[in-house]
Amino acid sequence: MHIAIVGTGGVGGYFGGRLAQSGQHVTFIARGAHLNAIKDNGLNIISTKAVTVYEEIVFFIMIQ
């Protein structure tokens, strides 16, 4: 299954990251500051149990 997350902010980033962690193929659609932050730092999910960093996110689609 291929999943697209439209809007990779707090909610989309969290659920998309968890789906990717479970082995799903996820495309993240982002723009602006979120896109630049994810490109520079990877997708970071910080919870009370752990810090998870997804550095190998390949697909970004800039929408204008």
Protein backbone atom coordinates (compact mmCIF):
# COMPACT_ATOMS: atom_id res chain seq x y z
CA MET A 1 0.00 0.00 0.00
CA HIS A 2 1.20 3.51 -0.77
CA ILE A 3 0.10 6.28 1.60
CA ALA A 4 0.37 10.03 0.96
CA ILE A 5 0.42 12.45 3.88
CA VAL A 6 -0.85 15.83 2.71
CA GLY A 7 0.46 18.40 5.16
CA THR A 8 3.47 17.15 7.07
CA GLY A 9 3.01 19.23 10.19
CA GLY A 10 2.55 17.96 13.73
CA VAL A 11 -0.31 15.56 13.09
CA GLY A 12 0.61 14.45 9.57
CA GLY A 13 4.26 14.06 10.52
CA TYR A 14 3.41 11.96 13.57
CA PHE A 15 1.02 9.56 11.88
CA GLY A 16 3.06 9.39 8.68
CA GLY A 17 6.20 8.65 10.69
CA ARG A 18 4.47 5.90 12.63
CA LEU A 19 3.13 4.38 9.41
CA ALA A 20 6.64 4.48 7.90
CA GLN A 21 8.00 2.88 11.07
CA SER A 22 5.54 0.00 10.64
CA GLY A 23 6.86 -0.64 7.13
CA GLN A 24 4.31 1.22 5.00
CA HIS A 25 5.48 3.17 1.94
CA VAL A 26 4.70 6.81 2.79
CA THR A 27 5.02 9.94 0.65
CA PHE A 28 5.10 13.18 2.61
CA ILE A 29 3.77 16.30 0.91
CA ALA A 30 5.15 19.46 2.47
CA ARG A 31 6.09 23.02 1.63
CA GLY A 32 7.70 26.07 3.13
CA ALA A 33 9.25 25.94 6.57
CA HIS A 34 8.11 22.37 7.28
CA LEU A 35 9.67 21.11 4.07
CA ASN A 36 12.97 22.87 4.79
CA ALA A 37 13.09 21.65 8.40
CA ILE A 38 12.46 18.03 7.39
CA LYS A 39 15.06 18.23 4.61
CA ASP A 40 17.63 19.67 7.03
CA ASN A 41 16.87 17.61 10.17
CA GLY A 42 14.82 14.59 9.15
CA LEU A 43 11.38 13.93 10.57
CA ASN A 44 11.66 13.98 14.38
CA ILE A 45 8.98 12.45 16.57
CA ILE A 46 9.46 13.21 20.25
CA SER A 47 7.22 11.45 22.76
CA THR A 48 7.37 10.66 26.46
CA LYS A 49 8.82 7.23 25.64
CA ALA A 50 11.40 7.93 22.95
CA VAL A 51 12.82 10.25 20.34
CA THR A 52 12.54 8.86 16.81
CA VAL A 53 14.32 10.50 13.88
CA TYR A 54 13.52 9.49 10.30
CA GLU A 55 16.46 10.76 8.28
CA GLU A 56 15.88 8.81 5.08
CA ILE A 57 12.65 10.38 3.94
CA VAL A 58 12.95 10.40 0.20
CA PHE A 59 9.77 11.86 -1.26
CA PHE A 60 8.96 15.53 -0.99
CA ILE A 61 6.52 17.31 -3.23
CA MET A 62 6.44 21.09 -3.10
CA ILE A 63 3.01 22.52 -3.72
CA GLN A 64 2.52 26.18 -4.42
